[in-house]
Protein backbone atom coordinates (compact mmCIF):
# COMPACT_ATOMS: atom_id res chain seq x y z
CA MET A 1 -40.06 53.84 139.40
CA THR A 2 -41.98 55.93 136.87
CA ASP A 3 -43.84 58.82 138.48
CA ILE A 4 -47.60 58.43 137.99
CA PHE A 5 -47.82 62.07 136.98
CA ASP A 6 -45.61 61.35 133.93
CA LYS A 7 -48.65 59.56 132.43
CA ILE A 8 -51.05 62.43 133.05
CA LEU A 9 -51.63 65.27 130.61
CA LYS A 10 -50.91 68.69 132.04
CA ASN A 11 -52.97 71.78 131.19
CA GLY A 12 -52.62 72.64 127.51
CA GLU A 13 -51.03 69.27 126.61
CA SER A 14 -52.57 66.94 124.05
CA ILE A 15 -51.93 63.46 122.70
CA PHE A 16 -52.87 64.76 119.23
CA LEU A 17 -50.00 65.93 117.07
CA ASN A 18 -52.56 66.92 114.40
CA ASP A 19 -56.18 65.97 115.08
CA ALA A 20 -57.15 67.24 111.60
CA ALA A 21 -55.41 64.12 110.24
CA LEU A 22 -58.41 62.16 111.53
CA ASP A 23 -60.96 64.27 109.68
CA PHE A 24 -62.55 62.66 106.62
CA GLU A 25 -61.55 65.66 104.48
CA PHE A 26 -57.85 65.26 105.32
CA ILE A 27 -55.64 64.43 102.32
CA PRO A 28 -52.39 62.74 103.47
CA SER A 29 -49.07 63.46 101.82
CA VAL A 30 -48.76 59.72 101.09
CA LEU A 31 -51.83 57.78 99.96
CA LEU A 32 -51.33 54.04 100.49
CA HIS A 33 -52.72 51.18 98.40
CA ARG A 34 -54.37 53.29 95.74
CA GLU A 35 -51.28 53.79 93.57
CA ASN A 36 -52.73 52.09 90.48
CA GLN A 37 -55.98 54.02 90.64
CA GLN A 38 -54.13 57.30 91.17
CA ALA A 39 -51.92 56.58 88.17
CA TYR A 40 -55.01 55.90 86.04
CA ILE A 41 -56.65 59.16 87.10
CA GLY A 42 -53.39 61.05 86.51
CA GLU A 43 -52.94 59.64 83.02
CA SER A 44 -56.53 60.56 82.14
CA ILE A 45 -55.78 64.18 83.06
CA ARG A 46 -52.25 64.35 81.64
CA LEU A 47 -53.53 64.38 78.06
CA LEU A 48 -54.77 67.92 78.73
CA GLU A 49 -51.15 69.08 79.06
CA LYS A 50 -50.62 67.99 75.45
CA GLY A 51 -53.47 70.16 74.20
CA ARG A 52 -55.77 67.19 73.75
CA ASN A 53 -59.03 66.29 75.42
CA GLY A 54 -58.61 64.30 78.62
CA ILE A 55 -60.28 60.96 79.28
CA ASN A 56 -63.59 61.08 81.13
CA LEU A 57 -63.80 58.71 84.12
CA PHE A 58 -66.65 56.96 85.87
CA ILE A 59 -65.32 55.90 89.28
CA HIS A 60 -67.38 53.45 91.32
CA GLY A 61 -67.10 51.17 94.36
CA HIS A 62 -68.44 50.70 97.87
CA PRO A 63 -68.53 53.64 100.33
CA GLY A 64 -65.43 54.38 102.39
CA ILE A 65 -62.78 52.76 100.19
CA GLY A 66 -60.84 55.80 99.01
CA LYS A 67 -62.56 56.91 95.78
CA THR A 68 -62.89 60.54 96.80
CA LEU A 69 -59.55 60.65 98.61
CA ALA A 70 -57.58 59.25 95.67
CA THR A 71 -59.25 61.64 93.25
CA ARG A 72 -58.75 64.72 95.43
CA TYR A 73 -55.14 63.67 95.98
CA ILE A 74 -54.52 63.79 92.22
CA LEU A 75 -56.43 67.06 91.84
CA ARG A 76 -54.19 68.58 94.51
CA GLN A 77 -51.12 67.34 92.66
CA VAL A 78 -52.39 68.99 89.48
CA GLU A 79 -53.03 72.27 91.33
CA GLU A 80 -49.56 72.26 92.89
CA ASN A 81 -47.65 71.35 89.74
CA THR A 82 -49.22 73.36 86.94
CA ASP A 83 -51.08 76.58 86.25
CA GLU A 84 -52.09 75.31 82.81
CA ILE A 85 -55.02 73.21 84.08
CA SER A 86 -57.88 74.33 86.35
CA THR A 87 -59.54 71.82 88.69
CA PHE A 88 -63.03 71.93 90.17
CA TYR A 89 -64.35 69.51 92.80
CA ILE A 90 -68.09 69.57 93.60
CA ASN A 91 -70.04 67.24 95.89
CA CYS A 92 -73.51 66.56 94.47
CA TRP A 93 -74.91 65.70 97.89
CA LYS A 94 -74.56 69.39 98.72
CA HIS A 95 -75.19 70.67 95.19
CA ASN A 96 -77.84 68.32 93.80
CA THR A 97 -79.32 70.28 90.88
CA SER A 98 -77.87 71.71 87.69
CA TYR A 99 -78.52 75.22 88.98
CA LYS A 100 -76.69 74.57 92.27
CA ILE A 101 -73.71 73.10 90.45
CA ILE A 102 -73.47 76.06 88.10
CA VAL A 103 -73.69 78.44 91.08
CA GLU A 104 -70.90 76.48 92.79
CA LEU A 105 -68.79 76.73 89.62
CA CYS A 106 -69.42 80.50 89.72
CA ASN A 107 -68.19 80.55 93.32
CA LEU A 108 -65.08 78.52 92.48
CA LEU A 109 -64.38 80.90 89.60
CA ASN A 110 -64.96 83.85 91.93
CA HIS A 111 -67.77 85.02 89.65
CA LYS A 112 -69.85 87.08 92.07
CA PHE A 113 -72.62 88.45 89.88
CA ILE A 114 -75.15 85.66 90.38
CA GLY A 115 -78.24 87.55 91.54
CA ASP A 116 -81.52 86.08 90.32
CA LYS A 117 -80.09 84.83 87.05
CA SER A 118 -81.23 81.57 85.53
CA THR A 119 -79.04 78.52 84.99
CA HIS A 120 -78.82 79.33 81.28
CA GLU A 121 -77.77 82.93 81.92
CA LEU A 122 -75.06 81.87 84.37
CA ILE A 123 -73.79 79.24 81.95
CA ASN A 124 -73.39 81.85 79.22
CA GLU A 125 -71.47 84.10 81.61
CA ILE A 126 -68.97 81.50 82.88
CA LYS A 127 -68.55 79.47 79.68
CA PRO A 128 -65.77 81.74 78.29
CA ARG A 129 -63.84 81.45 81.56
CA LEU A 130 -64.20 77.68 81.65
CA ASN A 131 -62.79 77.52 78.13
CA LYS A 132 -59.77 79.76 78.75
CA LYS A 133 -57.64 76.70 79.52
CA PRO A 134 -58.11 72.93 80.01
CA ILE A 135 -60.13 71.96 83.07
CA VAL A 136 -60.91 68.96 85.26
CA ILE A 137 -64.39 68.83 86.78
CA CYS A 138 -65.06 66.20 89.43
CA LEU A 139 -68.67 65.56 90.46
CA ASP A 140 -68.63 63.41 93.58
CA GLU A 141 -71.70 61.42 94.66
CA VAL A 142 -73.07 62.15 91.21
CA ASP A 143 -75.98 59.76 91.79
CA LYS A 144 -77.46 62.42 94.12
CA LEU A 145 -78.14 64.72 91.15
CA GLU A 146 -81.84 65.49 90.74
CA ASN A 147 -81.33 66.27 87.03
CA ASP A 148 -78.46 65.72 84.64
CA ASP A 149 -78.72 68.78 82.35
CA VAL A 150 -75.43 70.10 83.73
CA LEU A 151 -73.65 67.01 82.37
CA TYR A 152 -74.90 67.82 78.88
CA PHE A 153 -73.60 71.39 79.26
CA ILE A 154 -70.13 70.24 80.40
CA LEU A 155 -69.84 67.64 77.67
CA GLU A 156 -71.06 69.92 74.86
CA GLU A 157 -69.87 73.40 75.81
CA VAL A 158 -66.54 72.84 77.60
CA TYR A 159 -63.85 72.11 75.03
CA LYS A 160 -60.69 70.74 76.68
CA LYS A 161 -61.67 68.75 79.76
CA THR A 162 -61.62 65.63 81.87
CA LEU A 163 -64.94 64.96 83.58
CA ILE A 164 -64.72 62.66 86.61
CA LEU A 165 -67.93 61.19 88.03
CA ILE A 166 -67.79 59.35 91.37
CA THR A 167 -70.54 57.17 92.82
CA ASN A 168 -71.09 54.10 94.96
CA GLU A 169 -73.56 52.81 92.39
CA ARG A 170 -72.31 51.21 89.17
CA SER A 171 -75.92 50.97 87.93
CA TRP A 172 -76.27 54.78 87.83
CA LEU A 173 -74.34 54.93 84.56
CA ASP A 174 -76.67 52.41 82.91
CA GLU A 175 -79.68 54.59 83.72
CA LEU A 176 -78.13 57.82 82.48
CA ASP A 177 -79.87 59.53 79.56
CA LYS A 178 -78.61 57.89 76.34
CA ARG A 179 -77.67 61.14 74.62
CA ILE A 180 -75.50 62.07 77.63
CA ARG A 181 -74.01 58.60 77.95
CA SER A 182 -73.03 58.59 74.28
CA ARG A 183 -71.22 61.92 74.70
CA LEU A 184 -69.64 60.98 78.02
CA TYR A 185 -67.77 57.96 76.63
CA ALA A 186 -66.12 57.38 80.02
CA ASP A 187 -63.57 54.82 81.14
CA LEU A 188 -64.81 52.78 84.10
CA LEU A 189 -62.52 52.69 87.14
CA GLU A 190 -63.62 50.37 89.94
CA PHE A 191 -62.24 50.67 93.47
CA LYS A 192 -62.15 47.35 95.32
CA SER A 193 -62.47 47.16 99.11
CA TYR A 194 -59.24 47.22 101.14
CA ASN A 195 -58.06 43.90 102.57
CA TYR A 196 -57.11 43.67 106.26
CA GLU A 197 -53.39 44.28 105.72
CA GLU A 198 -54.10 47.39 103.64
CA THR A 199 -56.58 48.62 106.24
CA PHE A 200 -53.99 48.22 108.99
CA ASP A 201 -51.29 50.02 106.94
CA ILE A 202 -53.59 52.97 106.27
CA LEU A 203 -54.70 53.34 109.90
CA LYS A 204 -51.14 52.96 111.19
CA LYS A 205 -50.03 55.77 108.84
CA ARG A 206 -52.91 57.97 110.04
CA CYS A 207 -51.71 57.42 113.62
CA GLU A 208 -48.29 58.76 112.61
CA TYR A 209 -49.94 61.90 111.26
CA ALA A 210 -52.40 62.32 114.13
CA PHE A 211 -50.71 61.28 117.40
CA TYR A 212 -47.43 61.87 119.16
CA PRO A 213 -45.14 58.78 119.27
CA SER A 214 -46.12 56.00 121.71
CA VAL A 215 -49.69 57.28 122.19
CA ILE A 216 -51.21 54.13 120.64
CA ASN A 217 -49.59 50.71 120.27
CA LYS A 218 -49.70 48.23 117.41
CA THR A 219 -52.12 45.84 119.16
CA LEU A 220 -54.76 48.55 119.54
CA ILE A 221 -54.36 49.62 115.91
CA GLU A 222 -54.90 45.96 114.96
CA ILE A 223 -58.16 45.85 116.95
CA ILE A 224 -59.40 48.98 115.19
CA ALA A 225 -58.24 47.70 111.79
CA LYS A 226 -60.15 44.43 112.29
CA LYS A 227 -63.32 46.33 113.11
CA SER A 228 -62.88 48.69 110.16
CA HIS A 229 -62.23 45.77 107.80
CA GLU A 230 -65.31 43.98 109.13
CA ILE A 231 -67.44 47.04 108.28
CA GLN A 232 -65.58 47.47 104.94
CA ASP A 233 -65.30 51.23 105.46
CA ILE A 234 -61.92 52.84 106.19
CA ARG A 235 -63.72 55.91 107.56
CA SER A 236 -65.01 53.86 110.49
CA GLY A 237 -61.41 53.05 111.45
CA ILE A 238 -60.40 56.71 111.24
CA HIS A 239 -63.43 57.63 113.39
CA LEU A 240 -62.45 54.99 115.97
CA LEU A 241 -58.90 56.37 116.19
CA LYS A 242 -60.22 59.86 116.85
CA GLU A 243 -62.83 58.70 119.36
CA SER A 244 -60.26 56.57 121.22
CA GLY A 245 -57.95 59.57 121.40
CA ASN A 246 -60.74 61.77 122.74
CA LEU A 247 -61.59 59.19 125.41
CA ALA A 248 -57.93 59.00 126.49
CA GLU A 249 -57.73 62.79 126.72
CA SER A 250 -60.92 62.90 128.78
CA ARG A 251 -59.01 60.80 131.35
CA SER A 252 -56.03 63.19 131.02
CA SER A 253 -54.02 60.18 129.85
CA LYS A 254 -50.97 60.41 127.61
CA ILE A 255 -51.72 57.02 126.08
CA ILE A 256 -54.72 55.26 124.56
CA ASN A 257 -55.56 51.98 126.27
CA GLU A 258 -57.69 48.98 125.29
CA GLU A 259 -60.65 50.25 127.32
CA ASP A 260 -60.67 53.48 125.28
CA VAL A 261 -60.74 51.47 122.04
CA ASN A 262 -63.47 49.11 123.27
CA LYS A 263 -65.62 52.03 124.39
CA ALA A 264 -65.17 53.70 120.99
CA ILE A 265 -66.21 50.48 119.22
CA MET A 266 -69.24 50.13 121.50
CA LYS A 267 -70.32 53.70 120.70
CA LEU A 268 -69.88 52.98 116.98
CA ASN A 269 -72.04 49.84 117.25
CA GLU A 270 -74.73 51.73 119.18
CA PHE A 271 -74.69 54.49 116.55
CA LYS A 272 -75.17 51.95 113.75
CA ILE A 273 -78.11 50.35 115.59
CA ARG A 274 -79.70 53.75 116.17
CA SER A 275 -79.10 54.72 112.54
CA SER A 276 -81.01 51.69 111.25
CA ASN A 277 -83.83 52.26 113.75
CA ASP A 278 -84.09 55.99 113.07
CA ILE A 279 -84.34 56.00 109.29
CA SER A 280 -86.75 58.59 108.02
CA LYS A 281 -90.47 57.98 107.74
CA GLU A 282 -90.23 58.00 103.92
CA LYS A 283 -87.52 55.34 103.92
CA ASN A 284 -89.43 53.26 106.46
CA GLU A 285 -92.47 53.31 104.21
CA LEU A 286 -90.34 52.31 101.24
CA LEU A 287 -88.67 49.53 103.27
CA SER A 288 -92.10 48.13 104.18
CA LEU A 289 -93.12 48.28 100.51
CA VAL A 290 -89.97 46.39 99.48
CA LYS A 291 -90.61 43.78 102.19
CA ASP A 292 -94.11 43.16 100.79
CA ASN A 293 -92.84 43.08 97.18
CA SER A 294 -89.38 41.52 97.54
CA GLY A 295 -88.04 40.17 94.26
CA LYS A 296 -89.96 42.57 92.01
CA GLN A 297 -88.42 44.98 89.51
CA ALA A 298 -87.55 48.46 90.77
CA SER A 299 -89.87 49.99 88.14
CA GLU A 300 -92.78 47.90 89.45
CA ILE A 301 -92.18 49.00 93.05
CA PHE A 302 -91.89 52.62 91.89
CA LYS A 303 -95.44 52.41 90.47
CA LEU A 304 -96.67 51.17 93.87
CA TYR A 305 -94.78 53.87 95.78
CA ASP A 306 -97.47 56.54 96.14
CA LYS A 307 -95.17 59.58 96.37
CA ASP A 308 -94.82 62.61 94.12
CA ILE A 309 -91.12 62.12 93.37
CA SER A 310 -88.99 61.43 90.31
CA TYR A 311 -87.70 57.96 89.52
CA LYS A 312 -84.15 59.23 90.21
CA THR A 313 -85.11 60.28 93.74
CA PHE A 314 -86.82 56.90 94.21
CA ARG A 315 -83.64 55.10 93.07
CA ARG A 316 -81.54 57.18 95.42
CA ARG A 317 -83.73 56.15 98.35
CA LEU A 318 -83.38 52.51 97.32
CA GLU A 319 -79.60 52.89 97.16
CA GLU A 320 -79.50 54.51 100.60
CA LEU A 321 -81.43 51.54 101.99
CA GLN A 322 -78.95 49.21 100.29
CA ASN A 323 -75.99 51.14 101.75
CA SER A 324 -77.61 50.66 105.17
CA LYS A 325 -77.64 46.90 104.37
CA LEU A 326 -81.45 46.76 104.65
CA ILE A 327 -82.20 45.73 101.05
CA THR A 328 -80.36 44.28 98.04
CA LEU A 329 -80.43 45.65 94.49
CA GLU A 330 -79.50 43.17 91.78
CA ASN A 331 -79.09 43.95 88.07
CA LYS A 332 -80.13 41.20 85.65
CA GLN A 333 -80.25 41.05 81.88
CA ASN A 334 -83.78 40.91 80.51
CA ALA A 335 -84.31 39.73 76.93
CA SER A 336 -86.84 42.45 76.08
CA LYS A 337 -85.91 45.28 78.47
CA GLY A 338 -82.12 45.03 78.68
CA LEU A 339 -80.54 45.53 82.12
CA VAL A 340 -83.24 45.46 84.82
CA THR A 341 -82.89 46.13 88.56
CA TYR A 342 -84.60 43.73 91.00
CA VAL A 343 -85.18 44.67 94.64
CA TYR A 344 -84.96 42.22 97.56
CA PHE A 345 -85.69 42.75 101.23
CA GLY A 346 -82.57 42.13 103.37
CA LEU A 347 -79.14 41.00 102.21
CA ILE A 348 -79.12 38.50 99.35
CA LYS A 349 -75.80 36.86 98.51
CA ASN A 350 -74.79 35.16 95.31
CA LEU A 351 -73.38 31.64 95.59
CA ASN A 352 -69.85 32.89 94.86
CA GLU A 353 -70.07 35.31 97.82
CA PHE A 354 -70.38 32.60 100.46
């Protein structure tokens, strides 16, 4: 008969082999089900090794489907395999103006003499260093940029480069300043959502990185994979694995059981409900405005939105409401205006989505 104490964690013991493997920033040594996208990104960069300009990329797709992970995976491969190409990854959520991005480039270049210098002054100082050898610059969540002057600088003043722009919003490219869009000349790379089998494979592999053997069984991974696939966000599955592990450890258990998983899912559901109820006052006001004007063009609603903000900031707030599944943005071709965005309250599905 198995001793009950064999199932209890002793002081200093853990069920986690490497809990960092369940952090969103973790880059696994093997990245499943994004092989084609990784190859595309790699080929776009590889031209730099031949002394040519790389191919600029515009990467888009829903949140939590591996866009950032696949890109950072390739950037790490470049860093590990050659000294001939420099790579720079910047998240525009954290660095949302041209000045902040240039300052971050200074930091990544270890250029310490920033002081009170202007964007233009800093650009002139780091430009020679950026042009010493080919570079890859990745701007993640690029739709969070308050202004796009930095894109013009990169495209005009950096000679041998691949510029990678990542966003959840395909429409962002259509609204980009024409003179920048004409210089960008980017290939579009769409990431599709993972299917259930892919979701299960990815989460099972994360378990191998994160937990000691036999900590979690296949049935429990399947439950978590189903929930993650339902939400269409692989990060929710990774979060559920970590939360289930924490709950098991809080019981001093060496294994995760179904109750741990169900509690983790319940906490996730409660968090999502709270998140939709606790949206900021500004977003609540905008949501009410959309409800009263559902079906109108985004530009028309912007004129009614009595706030001293730019149209870009307004669009970002709309997109955040859409990501929270509270509104729907739909692009339609207009004979006189070209591509126009219409805004609907709630989730609107096309016939082919049912």
